[in-house]
N, C-alpha and C. Protein backbone atom coordinates (compact mmCIF):
# COMPACT_ATOMS: atom_id res chain seq x y z
N MET A 1 21.70 46.62 -5.63
CA MET A 1 20.58 46.23 -4.80
C MET A 1 20.90 46.54 -3.33
N THR A 2 20.00 47.22 -2.69
CA THR A 2 20.21 47.60 -1.30
C THR A 2 19.49 46.63 -0.37
N LYS A 3 20.19 46.18 0.64
CA LYS A 3 19.57 45.31 1.63
C LYS A 3 19.20 46.14 2.85
N PHE A 4 17.98 45.99 3.29
CA PHE A 4 17.53 46.67 4.50
C PHE A 4 17.41 45.66 5.62
N LYS A 5 17.85 46.06 6.77
CA LYS A 5 17.76 45.21 7.95
C LYS A 5 16.35 45.31 8.51
N GLU A 6 15.75 44.17 8.79
CA GLU A 6 14.41 44.18 9.38
C GLU A 6 14.50 44.62 10.83
N ARG A 7 13.66 45.59 11.19
CA ARG A 7 13.64 46.08 12.56
C ARG A 7 12.20 46.15 13.04
N TYR A 8 12.03 45.84 14.30
CA TYR A 8 10.71 45.98 14.91
C TYR A 8 10.55 47.42 15.39
N ILE A 9 9.39 47.99 15.14
CA ILE A 9 9.07 49.33 15.64
C ILE A 9 7.86 49.19 16.55
N PHE A 10 7.95 49.78 17.73
CA PHE A 10 6.91 49.68 18.73
C PHE A 10 6.24 51.03 18.96
N CYS A 11 5.05 50.99 19.52
CA CYS A 11 4.31 52.21 19.89
C CYS A 11 4.24 52.30 21.41
N PHE A 12 4.21 53.52 21.90
CA PHE A 12 4.16 53.76 23.35
C PHE A 12 3.30 54.99 23.61
N GLU A 13 2.39 54.89 24.55
CA GLU A 13 1.56 56.03 24.95
C GLU A 13 2.21 56.66 26.19
N SER A 14 2.77 57.82 26.01
CA SER A 14 3.48 58.50 27.09
C SER A 14 2.54 59.42 27.86
N ASP A 15 2.83 59.59 29.14
CA ASP A 15 2.09 60.55 29.97
C ASP A 15 2.59 61.97 29.72
N GLN A 16 3.74 62.10 29.09
CA GLN A 16 4.36 63.41 28.91
C GLN A 16 4.10 64.02 27.54
N HIS A 17 3.55 63.23 26.61
CA HIS A 17 3.30 63.72 25.26
C HIS A 17 2.00 63.09 24.76
N ASP A 18 1.15 63.87 24.13
CA ASP A 18 -0.18 63.38 23.77
C ASP A 18 -0.20 62.51 22.51
N GLU A 19 0.81 62.56 21.67
CA GLU A 19 0.85 61.71 20.47
C GLU A 19 1.52 60.38 20.79
N THR A 20 1.23 59.38 19.96
CA THR A 20 1.86 58.08 20.12
C THR A 20 3.36 58.18 19.81
N ILE A 21 4.16 57.58 20.65
CA ILE A 21 5.62 57.59 20.50
C ILE A 21 6.03 56.31 19.79
N LEU A 22 6.81 56.44 18.71
CA LEU A 22 7.37 55.29 18.01
C LEU A 22 8.79 55.09 18.49
N TRP A 23 9.14 53.85 18.77
CA TRP A 23 10.48 53.57 19.27
C TRP A 23 10.93 52.19 18.83
N ARG A 24 12.23 51.97 18.95
CA ARG A 24 12.81 50.66 18.66
C ARG A 24 14.05 50.47 19.53
N TYR A 25 14.57 49.24 19.54
CA TYR A 25 15.83 48.94 20.20
C TYR A 25 17.00 49.22 19.26
N THR A 26 18.19 49.43 19.81
CA THR A 26 19.39 49.46 18.98
C THR A 26 19.59 48.05 18.42
N ASP A 27 20.41 47.93 17.38
CA ASP A 27 20.63 46.61 16.76
C ASP A 27 21.22 45.61 17.75
N GLU A 28 22.16 46.07 18.57
CA GLU A 28 22.79 45.17 19.55
C GLU A 28 21.77 44.72 20.60
N ALA A 29 20.94 45.64 21.05
CA ALA A 29 19.95 45.31 22.06
C ALA A 29 18.88 44.39 21.50
N GLN A 30 18.50 44.60 20.25
CA GLN A 30 17.48 43.74 19.62
C GLN A 30 18.00 42.31 19.53
N HIS A 31 19.26 42.14 19.17
CA HIS A 31 19.85 40.81 19.11
C HIS A 31 19.84 40.16 20.50
N ALA A 32 20.26 40.90 21.50
CA ALA A 32 20.29 40.36 22.87
C ALA A 32 18.88 40.04 23.36
N ALA A 33 17.91 40.89 23.06
CA ALA A 33 16.53 40.66 23.51
C ALA A 33 15.94 39.42 22.85
N ASN A 34 16.32 39.18 21.60
CA ASN A 34 15.78 38.01 20.89
C ASN A 34 16.47 36.71 21.26
N ASN A 35 17.67 36.78 21.82
CA ASN A 35 18.45 35.57 22.06
C ASN A 35 18.72 35.24 23.53
N HIS A 36 18.38 36.14 24.42
CA HIS A 36 18.65 35.90 25.84
C HIS A 36 17.38 36.19 26.65
N ARG A 37 16.92 35.19 27.36
CA ARG A 37 15.66 35.33 28.12
C ARG A 37 15.77 36.34 29.27
N THR A 38 16.94 36.51 29.82
CA THR A 38 17.09 37.37 31.00
C THR A 38 17.56 38.78 30.63
N TYR A 39 17.50 39.15 29.37
CA TYR A 39 17.99 40.46 28.93
C TYR A 39 17.16 41.59 29.53
N LYS A 40 17.84 42.57 30.07
CA LYS A 40 17.20 43.79 30.59
C LYS A 40 17.76 44.97 29.81
N PRO A 41 16.91 45.74 29.13
CA PRO A 41 17.43 46.86 28.34
C PRO A 41 17.97 47.98 29.23
N LYS A 42 18.86 48.77 28.66
CA LYS A 42 19.40 49.96 29.33
C LYS A 42 18.78 51.18 28.65
N ILE A 43 18.94 52.33 29.24
CA ILE A 43 18.35 53.55 28.70
C ILE A 43 18.90 53.85 27.31
N TYR A 44 20.18 53.56 27.07
CA TYR A 44 20.78 53.86 25.77
C TYR A 44 20.42 52.82 24.70
N ASP A 45 19.70 51.75 25.06
CA ASP A 45 19.25 50.75 24.10
C ASP A 45 17.95 51.15 23.40
N LEU A 46 17.29 52.20 23.88
CA LEU A 46 16.01 52.63 23.34
C LEU A 46 16.19 53.83 22.42
N ILE A 47 15.60 53.76 21.24
CA ILE A 47 15.69 54.85 20.27
C ILE A 47 14.29 55.38 20.01
N ILE A 48 14.08 56.65 20.26
CA ILE A 48 12.80 57.31 19.98
C ILE A 48 12.84 57.77 18.53
N LEU A 49 11.82 57.39 17.74
CA LEU A 49 11.82 57.69 16.31
C LEU A 49 11.09 58.98 15.96
N ASN A 50 10.36 59.57 16.88
CA ASN A 50 9.66 60.83 16.62
C ASN A 50 10.69 61.95 16.54
N GLN A 51 10.96 62.45 15.36
CA GLN A 51 12.01 63.43 15.16
C GLN A 51 11.66 64.83 15.64
N GLU A 52 10.38 65.16 15.70
CA GLU A 52 9.98 66.53 16.03
C GLU A 52 10.04 66.85 17.52
N LEU A 53 10.32 65.87 18.34
CA LEU A 53 10.34 66.10 19.79
C LEU A 53 11.63 66.79 20.22
N PRO A 54 11.53 67.69 21.19
CA PRO A 54 12.75 68.31 21.75
C PRO A 54 13.63 67.26 22.44
N LYS A 55 14.91 67.52 22.50
CA LYS A 55 15.88 66.57 23.05
C LYS A 55 15.56 66.18 24.50
N GLN A 56 15.22 67.16 25.33
CA GLN A 56 14.94 66.88 26.74
C GLN A 56 13.68 66.03 26.88
N LEU A 57 12.66 66.27 26.05
CA LEU A 57 11.44 65.48 26.11
C LEU A 57 11.72 64.04 25.69
N LYS A 58 12.54 63.84 24.66
CA LYS A 58 12.93 62.48 24.26
C LYS A 58 13.62 61.76 25.41
N PHE A 59 14.50 62.47 26.08
CA PHE A 59 15.22 61.90 27.22
C PHE A 59 14.25 61.47 28.32
N ASP A 60 13.29 62.33 28.65
CA ASP A 60 12.30 62.02 29.68
C ASP A 60 11.40 60.85 29.27
N ILE A 61 11.02 60.81 28.00
CA ILE A 61 10.18 59.72 27.50
C ILE A 61 10.93 58.41 27.52
N ARG A 62 12.22 58.43 27.18
CA ARG A 62 13.02 57.21 27.25
C ARG A 62 13.06 56.65 28.67
N HIS A 63 13.19 57.51 29.67
CA HIS A 63 13.17 57.05 31.06
C HIS A 63 11.81 56.48 31.43
N GLU A 64 10.75 57.13 30.99
CA GLU A 64 9.40 56.62 31.26
C GLU A 64 9.19 55.27 30.58
N LEU A 65 9.65 55.14 29.34
CA LEU A 65 9.53 53.90 28.58
C LEU A 65 10.32 52.77 29.25
N LEU A 66 11.55 53.05 29.65
CA LEU A 66 12.36 52.03 30.31
C LEU A 66 11.70 51.57 31.60
N SER A 67 11.18 52.50 32.36
CA SER A 67 10.49 52.16 33.59
C SER A 67 9.29 51.26 33.31
N ASP A 68 8.56 51.57 32.25
CA ASP A 68 7.39 50.78 31.88
C ASP A 68 7.80 49.37 31.44
N ILE A 69 8.88 49.27 30.67
CA ILE A 69 9.36 47.95 30.22
C ILE A 69 9.80 47.10 31.40
N LEU A 70 10.59 47.68 32.29
CA LEU A 70 11.09 46.91 33.44
C LEU A 70 9.98 46.57 34.41
N GLN A 71 9.01 47.43 34.56
CA GLN A 71 7.88 47.15 35.43
C GLN A 71 7.03 46.03 34.83
N GLY A 72 6.90 46.01 33.51
CA GLY A 72 6.15 44.96 32.83
C GLY A 72 6.79 43.60 33.00
N ASP A 73 8.13 43.56 33.05
CA ASP A 73 8.84 42.30 33.25
C ASP A 73 8.55 41.69 34.62
N SER A 74 8.31 42.52 35.61
CA SER A 74 8.06 41.99 36.94
C SER A 74 6.68 41.36 37.05
N LYS A 75 5.80 41.60 36.07
CA LYS A 75 4.46 41.02 36.09
C LYS A 75 4.40 39.65 35.43
N LEU A 76 5.52 39.18 34.90
CA LEU A 76 5.53 37.89 34.25
C LEU A 76 5.32 36.79 35.30
N PRO A 77 4.65 35.72 34.90
CA PRO A 77 4.46 34.60 35.84
C PRO A 77 5.79 33.94 36.16
N PRO A 78 5.90 33.32 37.32
CA PRO A 78 7.17 32.65 37.67
C PRO A 78 7.44 31.49 36.72
N LYS A 79 8.72 31.26 36.49
CA LYS A 79 9.15 30.19 35.60
C LYS A 79 8.87 28.84 36.26
N ARG A 80 8.37 27.89 35.45
CA ARG A 80 8.10 26.55 35.99
C ARG A 80 9.40 25.77 36.18
N PRO A 81 9.46 24.94 37.23
CA PRO A 81 10.70 24.18 37.49
C PRO A 81 10.94 23.11 36.46
C-alpha cells in the first residue's frame, strides 16, 4: 500500500504566460507556512508544476509569484492587541 502525502496545489495568473500556472510549496515550506504566522516564503520554496515551460520562464514566473505573495501579505489588516 502506497501512502501519498497531501499537498495543496495553487493556481496563479501570470503576466508572462497566458495559461494558468499551477504551483505548490516545498514540503518544508508548507510545514512552516502552516505552523508559523510570520513565515515568509523564499524563491526556492515555490515549485512550478507546469512541466512544458522553459526553465528561464519558470524562473521569471517564480519571481513574479513571490512578489505577488509578499505584496499580498502587506495588505493584511494590523494584528489586534
